[in-house]
C-alpha atoms as a PDB file:
ATOM      1  CA  MET A   1      62.423 215.081  56.127  1.00  0.00           C
ATOM      2  CA  SER A   2      61.953 218.967  55.487  1.00  0.00           C
ATOM      3  CA  PRO A   3      60.445 221.919  57.910  1.00  0.00           C
ATOM      4  CA  HIS A   4      57.324 222.230  55.117  1.00  0.00           C
ATOM      5  CA  ASP A   5      56.550 218.578  54.736  1.00  0.00           C
ATOM      6  CA  VAL A   6      56.279 218.300  58.827  1.00  0.00           C
ATOM      7  CA  GLY A   7      54.359 221.175  58.110  1.00  0.00           C
ATOM      8  CA  ALA A   8      52.222 219.331  55.653  1.00  0.00           C
ATOM      9  CA  VAL A   9      51.239 216.350  57.578  1.00  0.00           C
ATOM     10  CA  LEU A  10      50.085 218.326  61.191  1.00  0.00           C
ATOM     11  CA  GLN A  11      48.646 220.448  58.838  1.00  0.00           C
ATOM     12  CA  ARG A  12      46.526 217.209  58.150  1.00  0.00           C
ATOM     13  CA  ALA A  13      46.275 215.586  61.256  1.00  0.00           C
ATOM     14  CA  LEU A  14      44.692 218.871  62.733  1.00  0.00           C
ATOM     15  CA  TYR A  15      42.023 218.676  59.651  1.00  0.00           C
ATOM     16  CA  THR A  16      41.479 214.461  59.973  1.00  0.00           C
ATOM     17  CA  THR A  17      41.390 215.253  63.754  1.00  0.00           C
ATOM     18  CA  LEU A  18      38.229 217.386  63.491  1.00  0.00           C
ATOM     19  CA  VAL A  19      36.857 215.680  60.857  1.00  0.00           C
ATOM     20  CA  VAL A  20      36.884 212.490  62.152  1.00  0.00           C
ATOM     21  CA  GLY A  21      36.206 214.088  65.637  1.00  0.00           C
ATOM     22  CA  GLY A  22      34.212 216.897  65.229  1.00  0.00           C
ATOM     23  CA  PRO A  23      31.314 215.876  64.285  1.00  0.00           C
ATOM     24  CA  ILE A  24      31.261 213.076  68.003  1.00  0.00           C
ATOM     25  CA  VAL A  25      31.293 216.004  69.924  1.00  0.00           C
ATOM     26  CA  LEU A  26      29.318 219.038  67.843  1.00  0.00           C
ATOM     27  CA  VAL A  27      26.609 216.321  68.820  1.00  0.00           C
ATOM     28  CA  SER A  28      27.506 215.303  71.564  1.00  0.00           C
ATOM     29  CA  MET A  29      27.486 219.238  73.727  1.00  0.00           C
ATOM     30  CA  ALA A  30      23.840 219.696  71.791  1.00  0.00           C
ATOM     31  CA  VAL A  31      22.740 217.050  72.800  1.00  0.00           C
ATOM     32  CA  GLY A  32      24.079 217.469  76.534  1.00  0.00           C
ATOM     33  CA  LEU A  33      22.521 221.821  76.180  1.00  0.00           C
ATOM     34  CA  VAL A  34      19.176 220.398  75.009  1.00  0.00           C
ATOM     35  CA  ILE A  35      19.137 218.329  78.099  1.00  0.00           C
ATOM     36  CA  SER A  36      20.804 221.163  80.832  1.00  0.00           C
ATOM     37  CA  VAL A  37      18.328 223.366  79.593  1.00  0.00           C
ATOM     38  CA  LEU A  38      15.388 221.007  80.553  1.00  0.00           C
ATOM     39  CA  GLN A  39      16.609 219.462  83.046  1.00  0.00           C
ATOM     40  CA  ALA A  40      16.891 223.549  84.796  1.00  0.00           C
ATOM     41  CA  ALA A  41      13.471 223.627  83.522  1.00  0.00           C
ATOM     42  CA  THR A  42      11.992 221.001  85.365  1.00  0.00           C
ATOM     43  CA  GLN A  43      14.842 220.917  88.318  1.00  0.00           C
ATOM     44  CA  ILE A  44      15.398 217.640  87.911  1.00  0.00           C
ATOM     45  CA  ASN A  45      19.142 216.995  88.431  1.00  0.00           C
ATOM     46  CA  GLU A  46      19.556 213.523  87.651  1.00  0.00           C
ATOM     47  CA  ALA A  47      23.677 212.976  86.317  1.00  0.00           C
ATOM     48  CA  THR A  48      22.131 209.581  83.867  1.00  0.00           C
ATOM     49  CA  LEU A  49      19.725 212.133  82.298  1.00  0.00           C
ATOM     50  CA  THR A  50      22.451 213.147  80.837  1.00  0.00           C
ATOM     51  CA  PHE A  51      25.490 209.912  80.236  1.00  0.00           C
ATOM     52  CA  VAL A  52      22.897 207.570  78.782  1.00  0.00           C
ATOM     53  CA  PRO A  53      21.314 210.604  76.105  1.00  0.00           C
ATOM     54  CA  LYS A  54      24.754 211.469  75.385  1.00  0.00           C
ATOM     55  CA  LEU A  55      26.357 208.202  74.795  1.00  0.00           C
ATOM     56  CA  LEU A  56      22.669 206.412  72.336  1.00  0.00           C
ATOM     57  CA  VAL A  57      23.399 209.660  69.956  1.00  0.00           C
ATOM     58  CA  VAL A  58      27.592 209.142  70.617  1.00  0.00           C
ATOM     59  CA  ALA A  59      26.901 205.932  69.124  1.00  0.00           C
ATOM     60  CA  LEU A  60      24.094 206.529  66.209  1.00  0.00           C
ATOM     61  CA  ILE A  61      26.882 208.576  64.475  1.00  0.00           C
ATOM     62  CA  LEU A  62      29.786 206.186  64.797  1.00  0.00           C
ATOM     63  CA  MET A  63      27.517 203.969  63.847  1.00  0.00           C
ATOM     64  CA  LEU A  64      26.280 206.011  60.264  1.00  0.00           C
ATOM     65  CA  PHE A  65      29.800 207.770  59.821  1.00  0.00           C
ATOM     66  CA  GLY A  66      31.701 205.485  61.312  1.00  0.00           C
ATOM     67  CA  SER A  67      32.968 204.335  57.478  1.00  0.00           C
ATOM     68  CA  ALA A  68      33.412 207.649  56.372  1.00  0.00           C
ATOM     69  CA  MET A  69      35.548 208.225  59.788  1.00  0.00           C
ATOM     70  CA  ALA A  70      37.799 205.255  59.705  1.00  0.00           C
ATOM     71  CA  GLY A  71      38.007 206.138  55.413  1.00  0.00           C
ATOM     72  CA  GLN A  72      39.563 208.986  57.056  1.00  0.00           C
ATOM     73  CA  LEU A  73      42.346 207.776  59.188  1.00  0.00           C
ATOM     74  CA  THR A  74      42.546 205.190  56.363  1.00  0.00           C
ATOM     75  CA  ASP A  75      43.988 208.128  53.819  1.00  0.00           C
ATOM     76  CA  PHE A  76      45.547 210.313  56.614  1.00  0.00           C
ATOM     77  CA  THR A  77      47.755 207.263  57.462  1.00  0.00           C
ATOM     78  CA  ARG A  78      48.692 206.318  53.371  1.00  0.00           C
ATOM     79  CA  PHE A  79      49.456 210.063  53.137  1.00  0.00           C
ATOM     80  CA  VAL A  80      51.473 209.766  56.088  1.00  0.00           C
ATOM     81  CA  PHE A  81      53.551 206.648  55.076  1.00  0.00           C
ATOM     82  CA  GLU A  82      53.694 207.917  51.431  1.00  0.00           C
ATOM     83  CA  ALA A  83      55.780 211.485  53.206  1.00  0.00           C
ATOM     84  CA  ALA A  84      57.801 209.337  55.600  1.00  0.00           C
ATOM     85  CA  THR A  85      58.428 207.410  52.265  1.00  0.00           C
ATOM     86  CA  GLU A  86      59.331 210.082  50.469  1.00  0.00           C
ATOM     87  CA  ALA A  87      61.695 211.659  52.822  1.00  0.00           C
ATOM     88  CA  GLY A  88      63.762 208.921  52.847  1.00  0.00           C
ATOM     89  CA  LYS A  89      64.525 209.237  48.945  1.00  0.00           C
END
Protein backbone atom coordinates (compact mmCIF):
# COMPACT_ATOMS: atom_id res chain seq x y z
CA MET A 1 0.00 0.00 0.00
CA SER A 2 1.44 3.33 -1.01
CA PRO A 3 1.28 6.42 1.18
CA HIS A 4 -1.33 7.81 -1.20
CA ASP A 5 -3.57 4.78 -0.57
CA VAL A 6 -3.15 5.09 3.18
CA GLY A 7 -4.03 8.78 2.95
CA ALA A 8 -7.14 7.96 0.93
CA VAL A 9 -8.26 5.39 3.50
CA LEU A 10 -7.66 7.82 6.37
CA GLN A 11 -9.52 10.58 4.55
CA ARG A 12 -12.46 8.29 3.89
CA ALA A 13 -12.39 7.12 7.53
CA LEU A 14 -12.61 10.71 8.77
CA TYR A 15 -15.45 11.48 6.37
CA THR A 16 -17.34 8.37 7.44
CA THR A 17 -16.85 9.23 11.10
CA LEU A 18 -18.25 12.71 10.55
CA VAL A 19 -21.24 11.46 8.54
CA VAL A 20 -22.12 8.68 10.97
CA GLY A 21 -21.37 10.38 14.28
CA GLY A 22 -22.03 13.99 13.39
CA PRO A 23 -25.82 14.03 13.51
CA ILE A 24 -25.89 12.22 16.84
CA VAL A 25 -23.37 14.57 18.44
CA LEU A 26 -24.93 17.75 17.04
CA VAL A 27 -28.48 16.89 18.07
CA SER A 28 -27.31 15.74 21.49
CA MET A 29 -25.42 19.00 21.99
CA ALA A 30 -28.43 21.06 20.92
CA VAL A 31 -30.76 19.23 23.30
CA GLY A 32 -28.23 19.58 26.10
CA LEU A 33 -27.95 23.30 25.46
CA VAL A 34 -31.73 23.80 25.48
CA ILE A 35 -32.12 21.78 28.68
CA SER A 36 -29.24 23.67 30.33
CA VAL A 37 -30.83 27.02 29.49
CA LEU A 38 -34.15 25.83 30.89
CA GLN A 39 -32.42 24.57 34.05
CA ALA A 40 -30.63 27.90 34.47
CA ALA A 41 -33.86 29.82 34.00
CA THR A 42 -35.86 27.68 36.43
CA GLN A 43 -32.97 26.94 38.83
CA ILE A 44 -33.80 23.23 38.76
CA ASN A 45 -30.57 21.26 38.92
CA GLU A 46 -31.43 17.64 38.29
CA ALA A 47 -28.97 15.41 36.41
CA THR A 48 -31.66 13.23 34.88
CA LEU A 49 -33.23 16.25 33.20
CA THR A 50 -30.31 16.38 30.78
CA PHE A 51 -29.65 12.66 30.49
CA VAL A 52 -33.12 11.33 29.65
CA PRO A 53 -33.99 13.78 26.84
CA LYS A 54 -30.57 13.25 25.24
CA LEU A 55 -31.05 9.50 25.43
CA LEU A 56 -34.48 9.73 23.82
CA VAL A 57 -33.29 12.05 21.05
CA VAL A 58 -30.28 9.85 20.25
CA ALA A 59 -32.57 6.82 20.09
CA LEU A 60 -34.89 8.72 17.74
CA ILE A 61 -32.01 9.77 15.50
CA LEU A 62 -30.75 6.17 15.35
CA MET A 63 -34.23 4.95 14.43
CA LEU A 64 -34.59 7.56 11.70
CA PHE A 65 -31.08 7.50 10.24
CA GLY A 66 -29.68 4.19 11.46
CA SER A 67 -30.04 2.43 8.12
CA ALA A 68 -28.28 5.25 6.27
CA MET A 69 -25.49 5.22 8.86
CA ALA A 70 -25.13 1.46 8.51
CA GLY A 71 -24.97 1.91 4.74
CA GLN A 72 -22.15 4.42 5.13
CA LEU A 73 -20.24 2.02 7.37
CA THR A 74 -20.78 -0.82 4.89
CA ASP A 75 -19.51 1.33 2.02
CA PHE A 76 -16.44 2.28 4.04
CA THR A 77 -15.72 -1.36 4.88
CA ARG A 78 -15.97 -2.31 1.23
CA PHE A 79 -13.64 0.56 0.32
CA VAL A 80 -11.05 -0.59 2.85
CA PHE A 81 -11.17 -4.21 1.66
CA GLU A 82 -10.95 -3.15 -1.98
CA ALA A 83 -7.96 -0.92 -1.18
CA ALA A 84 -6.28 -3.77 0.65
CA THR A 85 -6.98 -6.17 -2.22
CA GLU A 86 -5.54 -3.73 -4.76
CA ALA A 87 -2.46 -3.25 -2.61
CA GLY A 88 -1.90 -6.99 -2.43
CA LYS A 89 -1.73 -7.36 -6.21
